[in-house]
Amino acid sequence: MKFIAVGENIHCTRSYKTDGKFVVKTAGGYAIPYNAGGSEKQLPVPSVFTGGADWASGKVKHCAVAIWQCANGDAAGKEAGAEYLTSLAQAQEKAGATYLDINVDEFSTDVPERVRLMEFTVKLVQKASKLPMSIDSSNVQILRAGLAACDRARGAPMMNSVSLERVAAIDVAAEFKACVIASAAGERDLPCTTEGRLENLGRLIPMLTAKGIKLGAIHVDPLVFPISTDQTNGLGFLDAVKQVRGKYGPEIHIVAGLSNVSFGMPNRKLINQVFAWLSVQAGGDGGIVDPLQINAKVLGGLDAKSAAFKLAEDLLLGRDEFGMNYITACREGGIPVG
């Protein structure tokens, strides 16, 4: 099974629970444990994080901690920050990632600072991995800086993303001859119907091809919404995938933030894997995912006849009203926690 995995793990949006296994108390405060070179190590969490609002709500943005240490830490902090990001990149490559997505948007509100940190992070990650980068930002200036830092010897970089809300980014993608993730988002809304998605893409894709971006360099994101808020969201996405594939043919790619579907649900890993499998069956060929959990090998090895798979499939296809069968099975141990 072919699957384009845009590895999403080097994101300043990603958080760990402060009371979970990924954050430990130390003599000097708190740290995030990680493995580098076969040795267990710790990334210190500075007071700027432990004294912040995220920490107070029980979360810490671990990639932001690593980048902060690289930029502001002492010698030991800088080493730990670089090792931490390196270990994330190498683990994703080993797991079968196709691109490594880099996002620093939530590091701060200072655009010049984020420009510098995007450039720094791209260069650091490229030392750790041979994969092409995917530059992810809502700011055109940051997108430009990230793409400029990309090593083209490893293949065309990716830009995440363009949409009708962000048409200025199209020129940047064309300038750097980048692959693009083309979102079905509108100027002011996120369509949840197939018709709305196709209408927006029908306007956006001609803008891309008019700038010389070929269909084979376009990765459509039809938008994924949580199954917990509307039990038709999974089926609606899969229908959109089928329609996009039917309209644009085999050359175009179809990816999405597949894990969005499982927000608010137990055993998200199982739901995400089954959803990725269903997306491929519908005509998708990739996703913005954690490659350690979703990759071609994992999807090819899923047992579509197993009870756990069937429960997740029924949930995603709207056959399990309010997800009660799935949730009950999770509570009663019928579905092991992944």
C-alpha atoms as a PDB file:
ATOM      1  CA  MET A   1       0.000   0.000   0.000  1.00  0.00           C
ATOM      2  CA  LYS A   2       1.399   3.389  -1.014  1.00  0.00           C
ATOM      3  CA  PHE A   3       0.945   6.206   1.470  1.00  0.00           C
ATOM      4  CA  ILE A   4       2.427   9.709   1.518  1.00  0.00           C
ATOM      5  CA  ALA A   5       3.070  10.435   5.193  1.00  0.00           C
ATOM      6  CA  VAL A   6       3.609  14.109   5.943  1.00  0.00           C
ATOM      7  CA  GLY A   7       5.177  13.750   9.385  1.00  0.00           C
ATOM      8  CA  GLU A   8       3.530  16.233  11.746  1.00  0.00           C
ATOM      9  CA  ASN A   9       5.638  15.723  14.875  1.00  0.00           C
ATOM     10  CA  ILE A  10       7.912  18.794  14.737  1.00  0.00           C
ATOM     11  CA  HIS A  11       5.143  21.277  15.519  1.00  0.00           C
ATOM     12  CA  CYS A  12       4.998  23.925  18.205  1.00  0.00           C
ATOM     13  CA  THR A  13       1.298  23.101  18.446  1.00  0.00           C
ATOM     14  CA  ARG A  14       1.926  19.612  19.816  1.00  0.00           C
ATOM     15  CA  SER A  15       1.512  19.191  23.563  1.00  0.00           C
ATOM     16  CA  TYR A  16       2.150  16.644  26.303  1.00  0.00           C
ATOM     17  CA  LYS A  17       0.115  16.411  29.493  1.00  0.00           C
ATOM     18  CA  THR A  18       2.181  17.729  32.391  1.00  0.00           C
ATOM     19  CA  ASP A  19       0.956  14.912  34.634  1.00  0.00           C
ATOM     20  CA  GLY A  20       1.602  12.175  32.071  1.00  0.00           C
ATOM     21  CA  LYS A  21       4.551   9.905  31.348  1.00  0.00           C
ATOM     22  CA  PHE A  22       6.190  12.376  28.959  1.00  0.00           C
ATOM     23  CA  VAL A  23       6.933  14.954  31.669  1.00  0.00           C
ATOM     24  CA  VAL A  24       8.983  14.118  34.771  1.00  0.00           C
ATOM     25  CA  LYS A  25       9.869  15.968  37.966  1.00  0.00           C
ATOM     26  CA  THR A  26      13.572  16.630  38.448  1.00  0.00           C
ATOM     27  CA  ALA A  27      15.716  18.185  41.163  1.00  0.00           C
ATOM     28  CA  GLY A  28      15.776  21.409  39.158  1.00  0.00           C
ATOM     29  CA  GLY A  29      12.129  21.465  38.078  1.00  0.00           C
ATOM     30  CA  TYR A  30      10.666  19.496  35.174  1.00  0.00           C
ATOM     31  CA  ALA A  31      11.955  17.755  32.068  1.00  0.00           C
ATOM     32  CA  ILE A  32      10.776  15.853  29.010  1.00  0.00           C
ATOM     33  CA  PRO A  33      12.497  12.463  28.675  1.00  0.00           C
ATOM     34  CA  TYR A  34      13.746  11.315  25.276  1.00  0.00           C
ATOM     35  CA  ASN A  35      16.081   8.749  23.771  1.00  0.00           C
ATOM     36  CA  ALA A  36      19.168   9.706  21.772  1.00  0.00           C
ATOM     37  CA  GLY A  37      21.786   7.250  20.604  1.00  0.00           C
ATOM     38  CA  GLY A  38      20.292   4.513  22.740  1.00  0.00           C
ATOM     39  CA  SER A  39      20.590   6.570  25.916  1.00  0.00           C
ATOM     40  CA  GLU A  40      17.755   7.990  28.005  1.00  0.00           C
ATOM     41  CA  LYS A  41      18.096  11.764  28.318  1.00  0.00           C
ATOM     42  CA  GLN A  42      16.069  14.735  29.508  1.00  0.00           C
ATOM     43  CA  LEU A  43      15.024  18.017  27.915  1.00  0.00           C
ATOM     44  CA  PRO A  44      14.724  20.635  30.695  1.00  0.00           C
ATOM     45  CA  VAL A  45      11.486  22.646  30.728  1.00  0.00           C
ATOM     46  CA  PRO A  46      12.382  26.300  31.453  1.00  0.00           C
ATOM     47  CA  SER A  47      10.376  28.529  33.774  1.00  0.00           C
ATOM     48  CA  VAL A  48       8.956  30.507  30.841  1.00  0.00           C
ATOM     49  CA  PHE A  49       6.881  27.375  30.161  1.00  0.00           C
ATOM     50  CA  THR A  50       6.177  26.151  33.701  1.00  0.00           C
ATOM     51  CA  GLY A  51       4.947  29.622  34.602  1.00  0.00           C
ATOM     52  CA  GLY A  52       2.693  29.967  31.561  1.00  0.00           C
ATOM     53  CA  ALA A  53      -0.998  29.476  30.830  1.00  0.00           C
ATOM     54  CA  ASP A  54      -0.508  26.157  29.010  1.00  0.00           C
ATOM     55  CA  TRP A  55       1.251  24.653  32.006  1.00  0.00           C
ATOM     56  CA  ALA A  56      -1.489  25.906  34.310  1.00  0.00           C
ATOM     57  CA  SER A  57      -4.007  24.056  32.140  1.00  0.00           C
ATOM     58  CA  GLY A  58      -1.937  20.867  32.285  1.00  0.00           C
ATOM     59  CA  LYS A  59      -0.127  21.039  28.944  1.00  0.00           C
ATOM     60  CA  VAL A  60       3.348  21.787  27.615  1.00  0.00           C
ATOM     61  CA  LYS A  61       4.310  22.285  23.963  1.00  0.00           C
ATOM     62  CA  HIS A  62       7.329  20.011  23.814  1.00  0.00           C
ATOM     63  CA  CYS A  63       8.730  21.059  20.432  1.00  0.00           C
ATOM     64  CA  ALA A  64       8.473  24.696  21.513  1.00  0.00           C
ATOM     65  CA  VAL A  65      10.504  23.767  24.605  1.00  0.00           C
ATOM     66  CA  ALA A  66      13.198  22.168  22.422  1.00  0.00           C
ATOM     67  CA  ILE A  67      13.347  25.152  20.066  1.00  0.00           C
ATOM     68  CA  TRP A  68      13.447  27.578  23.025  1.00  0.00           C
ATOM     69  CA  GLN A  69      16.407  25.678  24.471  1.00  0.00           C
ATOM     70  CA  CYS A  70      18.184  25.771  21.107  1.00  0.00           C
ATOM     71  CA  ALA A  71      17.706  29.528  20.891  1.00  0.00           C
ATOM     72  CA  ASN A  72      17.993  30.613  24.535  1.00  0.00           C
ATOM     73  CA  GLY A  73      19.306  27.807  26.705  1.00  0.00           C
ATOM     74  CA  ASP A  74      22.720  27.265  28.251  1.00  0.00           C
ATOM     75  CA  ALA A  75      25.168  24.865  26.621  1.00  0.00           C
ATOM     76  CA  ALA A  76      23.461  21.796  28.054  1.00  0.00           C
ATOM     77  CA  GLY A  77      20.027  23.126  27.104  1.00  0.00           C
ATOM     78  CA  LYS A  78      21.095  23.861  23.543  1.00  0.00           C
ATOM     79  CA  GLU A  79      22.503  20.341  23.192  1.00  0.00           C
ATOM     80  CA  ALA A  80      19.346  18.760  24.607  1.00  0.00           C
ATOM     81  CA  GLY A  81      17.062  20.872  22.397  1.00  0.00           C
ATOM     82  CA  ALA A  82      18.975  19.960  19.246  1.00  0.00           C
ATOM     83  CA  GLU A  83      19.122  16.277  20.203  1.00  0.00           C
ATOM     84  CA  TYR A  84      15.404  16.238  20.941  1.00  0.00           C
ATOM     85  CA  LEU A  85      14.445  17.668  17.531  1.00  0.00           C
ATOM     86  CA  THR A  86      16.972  15.406  15.844  1.00  0.00           C
ATOM     87  CA  SER A  87      15.478  12.345  17.533  1.00  0.00           C
ATOM     88  CA  LEU A  88      11.957  13.350  16.392  1.00  0.00           C
ATOM     89  CA  ALA A  89      13.116  13.767  12.805  1.00  0.00           C
ATOM     90  CA  GLN A  90      15.019  10.491  12.694  1.00  0.00           C
ATOM     91  CA  ALA A  91      12.194   8.516  14.294  1.00  0.00           C
ATOM     92  CA  GLN A  92       9.742   9.805  11.678  1.00  0.00           C
ATOM     93  CA  GLU A  93      12.100   8.999   8.813  1.00  0.00           C
ATOM     94  CA  LYS A  94      12.685   5.493  10.184  1.00  0.00           C
ATOM     95  CA  ALA A  95       8.924   4.972  10.464  1.00  0.00           C
ATOM     96  CA  GLY A  96       8.386   5.755   6.778  1.00  0.00           C
ATOM     97  CA  ALA A  97       7.645   9.479   6.596  1.00  0.00           C
ATOM     98  CA  THR A  98       7.725  11.047   3.135  1.00  0.00           C
ATOM     99  CA  TYR A  99       8.047  14.682   4.270  1.00  0.00           C
ATOM    100  CA  LEU A 100       8.819  16.283   7.621  1.00  0.00           C
ATOM    101  CA  ASP A 101       6.387  19.090   8.424  1.00  0.00           C
ATOM    102  CA  ILE A 102       7.893  22.017  10.357  1.00  0.00           C
ATOM    103  CA  ASN A 103       5.667  24.500  12.202  1.00  0.00           C
ATOM    104  CA  VAL A 104       6.777  27.221  14.642  1.00  0.00           C
ATOM    105  CA  ASP A 105       3.652  29.392  14.530  1.00  0.00           C
ATOM    106  CA  GLU A 106       2.711  28.904  18.180  1.00  0.00           C
ATOM    107  CA  PHE A 107       6.192  29.576  19.513  1.00  0.00           C
ATOM    108  CA  SER A 108       5.421  33.271  19.880  1.00  0.00           C
ATOM    109  CA  THR A 109       3.525  36.169  18.307  1.00  0.00           C
ATOM    110  CA  ASP A 110       6.776  37.791  17.101  1.00  0.00           C
ATOM    111  CA  VAL A 111       6.993  37.245  13.328  1.00  0.00           C
ATOM    112  CA  PRO A 112      10.731  38.097  12.930  1.00  0.00           C
ATOM    113  CA  GLU A 113      11.512  35.679  15.768  1.00  0.00           C
ATOM    114  CA  ARG A 114       9.457  32.926  14.125  1.00  0.00           C
ATOM    115  CA  VAL A 115      11.162  33.596  10.788  1.00  0.00           C
ATOM    116  CA  ARG A 116      14.557  33.047  12.429  1.00  0.00           C
ATOM    117  CA  LEU A 117      13.370  29.938  14.248  1.00  0.00           C
ATOM    118  CA  MET A 118      11.825  28.448  11.108  1.00  0.00           C
ATOM    119  CA  GLU A 119      15.124  28.875   9.271  1.00  0.00           C
ATOM    120  CA  PHE A 120      17.040  27.427  12.210  1.00  0.00           C
ATOM    121  CA  THR A 121      14.729  24.441  12.658  1.00  0.00           C
ATOM    122  CA  VAL A 122      14.697  23.548   8.954  1.00  0.00           C
ATOM    123  CA  LYS A 123      18.500  23.604   8.813  1.00  0.00           C
ATOM    124  CA  LEU A 124      18.792  21.536  11.994  1.00  0.00           C
ATOM    125  CA  VAL A 125      16.286  18.924  10.865  1.00  0.00           C
ATOM    126  CA  GLN A 126      17.941  18.632   7.456  1.00  0.00           C
ATOM    127  CA  LYS A 127      21.179  17.676   9.221  1.00  0.00           C
ATOM    128  CA  ALA A 128      19.286  14.862  10.942  1.00  0.00           C
ATOM    129  CA  SER A 129      17.239  13.514   8.020  1.00  0.00           C
ATOM    130  CA  LYS A 130      17.507  13.052   4.272  1.00  0.00           C
ATOM    131  CA  LEU A 131      13.790  13.669   3.726  1.00  0.00           C
ATOM    132  CA  PRO A 132      12.379  16.784   2.033  1.00  0.00           C
ATOM    133  CA  MET A 133      10.760  19.342   4.307  1.00  0.00           C
ATOM    134  CA  SER A 134       7.154  20.516   4.444  1.00  0.00           C
ATOM    135  CA  ILE A 135       6.951  24.152   5.538  1.00  0.00           C
ATOM    136  CA  ASP A 136       3.829  24.829   7.570  1.00  0.00           C
ATOM    137  CA  SER A 137       2.652  28.300   8.577  1.00  0.00           C
ATOM    138  CA  SER A 138      -0.274  30.674   8.333  1.00  0.00           C
ATOM    139  CA  ASN A 139       2.180  33.509   7.617  1.00  0.00           C
ATOM    140  CA  VAL A 140       3.527  34.036   4.093  1.00  0.00           C
ATOM    141  CA  GLN A 141       6.774  35.561   5.362  1.00  0.00           C
ATOM    142  CA  ILE A 142       7.480  32.465   7.452  1.00  0.00           C
ATOM    143  CA  LEU A 143       6.572  30.161   4.551  1.00  0.00           C
ATOM    144  CA  ARG A 144       9.041  32.016   2.325  1.00  0.00           C
ATOM    145  CA  ALA A 145      11.809  31.799   4.917  1.00  0.00           C
ATOM    146  CA  GLY A 146      11.281  28.086   5.435  1.00  0.00           C
ATOM    147  CA  LEU A 147      11.249  27.270   1.733  1.00  0.00           C
ATOM    148  CA  ALA A 148      14.380  29.339   1.160  1.00  0.00           C
ATOM    149  CA  ALA A 149      16.161  27.254   3.820  1.00  0.00           C
ATOM    150  CA  CYS A 150      15.199  23.945   2.180  1.00  0.00           C
ATOM    151  CA  ASP A 151      17.861  21.805   0.516  1.00  0.00           C
ATOM    152  CA  ARG A 152      16.491  21.095  -2.948  1.00  0.00           C
ATOM    153  CA  ALA A 153      18.993  18.282  -3.520  1.00  0.00           C
ATOM    154  CA  ARG A 154      16.636  16.001  -1.569  1.00  0.00           C
ATOM    155  CA  GLY A 155      13.654  16.828  -3.799  1.00  0.00           C
ATOM    156  CA  ALA A 156      11.074  19.577  -4.064  1.00  0.00           C
ATOM    157  CA  PRO A 157       9.942  20.847  -0.677  1.00  0.00           C
ATOM    158  CA  MET A 158       6.292  21.028   0.272  1.00  0.00           C
ATOM    159  CA  MET A 159       4.320  24.095   1.365  1.00  0.00           C
ATOM    160  CA  ASN A 160       1.507  23.626   3.871  1.00  0.00           C
ATOM    161  CA  SER A 161      -0.762  25.198   2.822  1.00  0.00           C
ATOM    162  CA  VAL A 162      -2.628  27.279   0.246  1.00  0.00           C
ATOM    163  CA  SER A 163      -6.342  28.015   0.247  1.00  0.00           C
ATOM    164  CA  LEU A 164      -8.832  30.598  -0.950  1.00  0.00           C
ATOM    165  CA  GLU A 165      -8.190  32.330   2.377  1.00  0.00           C
ATOM    166  CA  ARG A 166      -4.459  32.412   1.649  1.00  0.00           C
ATOM    167  CA  VAL A 167      -4.061  32.968  -2.097  1.00  0.00           C
ATOM    168  CA  ALA A 168      -0.916  35.096  -1.579  1.00  0.00           C
ATOM    169  CA  ALA A 169       0.901  31.883  -0.692  1.00  0.00           C
ATOM    170  CA  ILE A 170       0.409  30.570  -4.238  1.00  0.00           C
ATOM    171  CA  ASP A 171       3.052  32.916  -5.610  1.00  0.00           C
ATOM    172  CA  VAL A 172       5.500  31.749  -2.936  1.00  0.00           C
ATOM    173  CA  ALA A 173       4.919  28.105  -3.837  1.00  0.00           C
ATOM    174  CA  ALA A 174       5.415  28.876  -7.519  1.00  0.00           C
ATOM    175  CA  GLU A 175       8.583  30.874  -6.821  1.00  0.00           C
ATOM    176  CA  PHE A 176      10.201  27.972  -4.964  1.00  0.00           C
ATOM    177  CA  LYS A 177       8.709  25.290  -7.236  1.00  0.00           C
ATOM    178  CA  ALA A 178       7.267  23.598  -4.175  1.00  0.00           C
ATOM    179  CA  CYS A 179       4.644  20.912  -3.878  1.00  0.00           C
ATOM    180  CA  VAL A 180       1.588  22.309  -2.150  1.00  0.00           C
ATOM    181  CA  ILE A 181      -1.092  21.140   0.214  1.00  0.00           C
ATOM    182  CA  ALA A 182      -4.232  22.716  -1.235  1.00  0.00           C
ATOM    183  CA  SER A 183      -6.912  23.122   1.421  1.00  0.00           C
ATOM    184  CA  ALA A 184     -10.612  23.047   0.612  1.00  0.00           C
ATOM    185  CA  ALA A 185     -11.121  25.917   3.080  1.00  0.00           C
ATOM    186  CA  GLY A 186     -13.039  28.918   1.826  1.00  0.00           C
ATOM    187  CA  GLU A 187     -12.302  32.589   2.311  1.00  0.00           C
ATOM    188  CA  ARG A 188     -14.327  32.708   5.518  1.00  0.00           C
ATOM    189  CA  ASP A 189     -15.434  29.187   6.370  1.00  0.00           C
ATOM    190  CA  LEU A 190     -14.561  25.502   6.454  1.00  0.00           C
ATOM    191  CA  PRO A 191     -17.073  23.631   4.298  1.00  0.00           C
ATOM    192  CA  CYS A 192     -18.359  20.376   5.729  1.00  0.00           C
ATOM    193  CA  THR A 193     -20.282  19.266   2.628  1.00  0.00           C
ATOM    194  CA  THR A 194     -18.806  17.581  -0.420  1.00  0.00           C
ATOM    195  CA  GLU A 195     -20.337  20.256  -2.624  1.00  0.00           C
ATOM    196  CA  GLY A 196     -18.729  23.060  -0.639  1.00  0.00           C
ATOM    197  CA  ARG A 197     -15.344  21.375  -0.665  1.00  0.00           C
ATOM    198  CA  LEU A 198     -15.439  20.748  -4.414  1.00  0.00           C
ATOM    199  CA  GLU A 199     -16.624  24.263  -5.145  1.00  0.00           C
ATOM    200  CA  ASN A 200     -13.665  25.773  -3.272  1.00  0.00           C
ATOM    201  CA  LEU A 201     -11.177  23.383  -4.839  1.00  0.00           C
ATOM    202  CA  GLY A 202     -12.686  24.096  -8.240  1.00  0.00           C
ATOM    203  CA  ARG A 203     -11.676  27.711  -7.779  1.00  0.00           C
ATOM    204  CA  LEU A 204      -8.324  27.092  -6.097  1.00  0.00           C
ATOM    205  CA  ILE A 205      -6.761  24.408  -8.292  1.00  0.00           C
ATOM    206  CA  PRO A 206      -6.969  26.474 -11.512  1.00  0.00           C
ATOM    207  CA  MET A 207      -5.147  29.273  -9.649  1.00  0.00           C
ATOM    208  CA  LEU A 208      -2.354  26.810  -8.868  1.00  0.00           C
ATOM    209  CA  THR A 209      -2.065  25.349 -12.355  1.00  0.00           C
ATOM    210  CA  ALA A 210      -2.116  28.863 -13.847  1.00  0.00           C
ATOM    211  CA  LYS A 211       1.107  29.512 -11.899  1.00  0.00           C
ATOM    212  CA  GLY A 212       2.762  26.408 -13.344  1.00  0.00           C
ATOM    213  CA  ILE A 213       2.072  24.081 -10.417  1.00  0.00           C
ATOM    214  CA  LYS A 214       1.186  20.747 -11.972  1.00  0.00           C
ATOM    215  CA  LEU A 215      -1.494  18.392 -10.676  1.00  0.00           C
ATOM    216  CA  GLY A 216       1.159  15.916  -9.570  1.00  0.00           C
ATOM    217  CA  ALA A 217       2.578  18.543  -7.202  1.00  0.00           C
ATOM    218  CA  ILE A 218      -0.816  19.299  -5.638  1.00  0.00           C
ATOM    219  CA  HIS A 219      -1.858  17.472  -2.452  1.00  0.00           C
ATOM    220  CA  VAL A 220      -5.526  18.205  -1.789  1.00  0.00           C
ATOM    221  CA  ASP A 221      -6.718  18.483   1.805  1.00  0.00           C
ATOM    222  CA  PRO A 222     -10.509  17.915   1.732  1.00  0.00           C
ATOM    223  CA  LEU A 223     -10.714  18.795   5.475  1.00  0.00           C
ATOM    224  CA  VAL A 224     -11.391  16.386   8.321  1.00  0.00           C
ATOM    225  CA  PHE A 225     -13.813  17.183  11.148  1.00  0.00           C
ATOM    226  CA  PRO A 226     -14.234  15.298  14.459  1.00  0.00           C
ATOM    227  CA  ILE A 227     -16.581  12.346  14.541  1.00  0.00           C
ATOM    228  CA  SER A 228     -17.446  13.303  18.131  1.00  0.00           C
ATOM    229  CA  THR A 229     -19.271  16.465  17.005  1.00  0.00           C
ATOM    230  CA  ASP A 230     -21.196  14.907  14.122  1.00  0.00           C
ATOM    231  CA  GLN A 231     -21.375  11.199  13.357  1.00  0.00           C
ATOM    232  CA  THR A 232     -21.593  11.944   9.608  1.00  0.00           C
ATOM    233  CA  ASN A 233     -18.211  13.713   9.497  1.00  0.00           C
ATOM    234  CA  GLY A 234     -16.233  10.578   8.673  1.00  0.00           C
ATOM    235  CA  LEU A 235     -18.515   9.494   5.867  1.00  0.00           C
ATOM    236  CA  GLY A 236     -18.679  13.052   4.537  1.00  0.00           C
ATOM    237  CA  PHE A 237     -14.897  13.240   4.271  1.00  0.00           C
ATOM    238  CA  LEU A 238     -14.651   9.876   2.533  1.00  0.00           C
ATOM    239  CA  ASP A 239     -17.289  10.946   0.015  1.00  0.00           C
ATOM    240  CA  ALA A 240     -15.293  14.112  -0.672  1.00  0.00           C
ATOM    241  CA  VAL A 241     -12.163  12.011  -1.252  1.00  0.00           C
ATOM    242  CA  LYS A 242     -14.009   9.879  -3.813  1.00  0.00           C
ATOM    243  CA  GLN A 243     -15.368  12.939  -5.590  1.00  0.00           C
ATOM    244  CA  VAL A 244     -11.975  14.702  -5.686  1.00  0.00           C
ATOM    245  CA  ARG A 245     -10.333  11.579  -7.097  1.00  0.00           C
ATOM    246  CA  GLY A 246     -13.064  11.202  -9.674  1.00  0.00           C
ATOM    247  CA  LYS A 247     -12.863  14.835 -10.778  1.00  0.00           C
ATOM    248  CA  TYR A 248      -9.077  15.300 -10.923  1.00  0.00           C
ATOM    249  CA  GLY A 249      -7.908  11.810 -11.821  1.00  0.00           C
ATOM    250  CA  PRO A 250      -4.925   9.727 -10.706  1.00  0.00           C
ATOM    251  CA  GLU A 251      -2.212  12.391 -10.910  1.00  0.00           C
ATOM    252  CA  ILE A 252      -3.346  14.612  -8.063  1.00  0.00           C
ATOM    253  CA  HIS A 253      -2.650  13.611  -4.453  1.00  0.00           C
ATOM    254  CA  ILE A 254      -5.159  13.601  -1.585  1.00  0.00           C
ATOM    255  CA  VAL A 255      -3.911  14.123   1.974  1.00  0.00           C
ATOM    256  CA  ALA A 256      -5.502  15.499   5.129  1.00  0.00           C
ATOM    257  CA  GLY A 257      -5.004  15.944   8.857  1.00  0.00           C
ATOM    258  CA  LEU A 258      -6.527  12.532   9.461  1.00  0.00           C
ATOM    259  CA  SER A 259      -6.164  12.521  13.248  1.00  0.00           C
ATOM    260  CA  ASN A 260      -8.644  15.401  13.510  1.00  0.00           C
ATOM    261  CA  VAL A 261     -11.400  12.811  13.135  1.00  0.00           C
ATOM    262  CA  SER A 262     -10.751  11.280  16.552  1.00  0.00           C
ATOM    263  CA  PHE A 263     -10.752  14.360  18.799  1.00  0.00           C
ATOM    264  CA  GLY A 264     -12.740  13.667  21.950  1.00  0.00           C
ATOM    265  CA  MET A 265     -12.793   9.896  21.490  1.00  0.00           C
ATOM    266  CA  PRO A 266     -11.025   7.083  23.386  1.00  0.00           C
ATOM    267  CA  ASN A 267      -8.250   5.047  21.741  1.00  0.00           C
ATOM    268  CA  ARG A 268      -7.594   7.658  19.079  1.00  0.00           C
ATOM    269  CA  LYS A 269      -4.783   5.617  17.555  1.00  0.00           C
ATOM    270  CA  LEU A 270      -7.158   2.858  16.382  1.00  0.00           C
ATOM    271  CA  ILE A 271      -9.682   5.340  14.984  1.00  0.00           C
ATOM    272  CA  ASN A 272      -6.958   7.231  13.123  1.00  0.00           C
ATOM    273  CA  GLN A 273      -5.474   4.085  11.597  1.00  0.00           C
ATOM    274  CA  VAL A 274      -8.830   2.737  10.437  1.00  0.00           C
ATOM    275  CA  PHE A 275      -9.763   6.166   9.069  1.00  0.00           C
ATOM    276  CA  ALA A 276      -6.498   6.352   7.112  1.00  0.00           C
ATOM    277  CA  TRP A 277      -7.185   2.872   5.716  1.00  0.00           C
ATOM    278  CA  LEU A 278     -10.709   3.918   4.687  1.00  0.00           C
ATOM    279  CA  SER A 279      -9.334   7.090   3.115  1.00  0.00           C
ATOM    280  CA  VAL A 280      -6.964   5.060   0.951  1.00  0.00           C
ATOM    281  CA  GLN A 281      -9.822   2.771  -0.098  1.00  0.00           C
ATOM    282  CA  ALA A 282     -11.808   5.863  -1.099  1.00  0.00           C
ATOM    283  CA  GLY A 283      -8.972   7.202  -3.253  1.00  0.00           C
ATOM    284  CA  GLY A 284      -6.704   9.059  -0.857  1.00  0.00           C
ATOM    285  CA  ASP A 285      -2.979   8.427  -0.968  1.00  0.00           C
ATOM    286  CA  GLY A 286      -1.607  10.190   2.086  1.00  0.00           C
ATOM    287  CA  GLY A 287      -2.113  12.212   5.210  1.00  0.00           C
ATOM    288  CA  ILE A 288      -0.633  14.713   7.621  1.00  0.00           C
ATOM    289  CA  VAL A 289       0.017  12.193  10.363  1.00  0.00           C
ATOM    290  CA  ASP A 290       2.280  10.831  13.065  1.00  0.00           C
ATOM    291  CA  PRO A 291       4.302   8.371  10.935  1.00  0.00           C
ATOM    292  CA  LEU A 292       5.057   6.269  13.999  1.00  0.00           C
ATOM    293  CA  GLN A 293       1.351   5.405  14.119  1.00  0.00           C
ATOM    294  CA  ILE A 294       0.252   5.725  10.494  1.00  0.00           C
ATOM    295  CA  ASN A 295       2.413   4.640   7.581  1.00  0.00           C
ATOM    296  CA  ALA A 296       2.201   2.308   4.592  1.00  0.00           C
ATOM    297  CA  LYS A 297       3.380  -0.730   6.567  1.00  0.00           C
ATOM    298  CA  VAL A 298       0.910  -0.146   9.419  1.00  0.00           C
ATOM    299  CA  LEU A 299      -2.018   0.343   7.060  1.00  0.00           C
ATOM    300  CA  GLY A 300      -1.085  -2.703   5.005  1.00  0.00           C
ATOM    301  CA  GLY A 301      -1.014  -4.808   8.171  1.00  0.00           C
ATOM    302  CA  LEU A 302      -4.429  -3.842   9.554  1.00  0.00           C
ATOM    303  CA  ASP A 303      -6.875  -6.715   9.975  1.00  0.00           C
ATOM    304  CA  ALA A 304     -10.078  -5.384   8.432  1.00  0.00           C
ATOM    305  CA  LYS A 305     -11.978  -8.410   9.785  1.00  0.00           C
ATOM    306  CA  SER A 306     -11.044  -7.920  13.436  1.00  0.00           C
ATOM    307  CA  ALA A 307     -13.657  -6.883  15.974  1.00  0.00           C
ATOM    308  CA  ALA A 308     -11.722  -3.721  16.895  1.00  0.00           C
ATOM    309  CA  PHE A 309     -11.432  -2.663  13.250  1.00  0.00           C
ATOM    310  CA  LYS A 310     -15.148  -3.262  12.668  1.00  0.00           C
ATOM    311  CA  LEU A 311     -16.111  -1.202  15.727  1.00  0.00           C
ATOM    312  CA  ALA A 312     -13.966   1.715  14.571  1.00  0.00           C
ATOM    313  CA  GLU A 313     -15.238   1.355  11.003  1.00  0.00           C
ATOM    314  CA  ASP A 314     -18.870   1.437  12.143  1.00  0.00           C
ATOM    315  CA  LEU A 315     -18.114   4.553  14.172  1.00  0.00           C
ATOM    316  CA  LEU A 316     -16.448   6.311  11.237  1.00  0.00           C
ATOM    317  CA  LEU A 317     -19.137   5.369   8.735  1.00  0.00           C
ATOM    318  CA  GLY A 318     -21.954   6.617  10.962  1.00  0.00           C
ATOM    319  CA  ARG A 319     -23.359   3.150  11.634  1.00  0.00           C
ATOM    320  CA  ASP A 320     -22.754   3.369  15.400  1.00  0.00           C
ATOM    321  CA  GLU A 321     -25.163   6.020  16.726  1.00  0.00           C
ATOM    322  CA  PHE A 322     -23.367   8.450  19.053  1.00  0.00           C
ATOM    323  CA  GLY A 323     -20.442   5.979  19.043  1.00  0.00           C
ATOM    324  CA  MET A 324     -22.024   4.065  21.888  1.00  0.00           C
ATOM    325  CA  ASN A 325     -20.886   0.602  20.789  1.00  0.00           C
ATOM    326  CA  TYR A 326     -17.316   1.811  20.294  1.00  0.00           C
ATOM    327  CA  ILE A 327     -17.172   3.754  23.573  1.00  0.00           C
ATOM    328  CA  THR A 328     -18.709   0.852  25.502  1.00  0.00           C
ATOM    329  CA  ALA A 329     -16.173  -1.573  24.058  1.00  0.00           C
ATOM    330  CA  CYS A 330     -13.337   0.750  25.077  1.00  0.00           C
ATOM    331  CA  ARG A 331     -14.684   1.066  28.617  1.00  0.00           C
ATOM    332  CA  GLU A 332     -15.204  -2.665  29.018  1.00  0.00           C
ATOM    333  CA  GLY A 333     -11.801  -3.602  27.636  1.00  0.00           C
ATOM    334  CA  GLY A 334     -13.098  -4.980  24.353  1.00  0.00           C
ATOM    335  CA  ILE A 335     -10.734  -2.614  22.551  1.00  0.00           C
ATOM    336  CA  PRO A 336      -7.198  -2.469  24.007  1.00  0.00           C
ATOM    337  CA  VAL A 337      -5.886   1.046  24.574  1.00  0.00           C
ATOM    338  CA  GLY A 338      -3.300   1.852  21.892  1.00  0.00           C
END
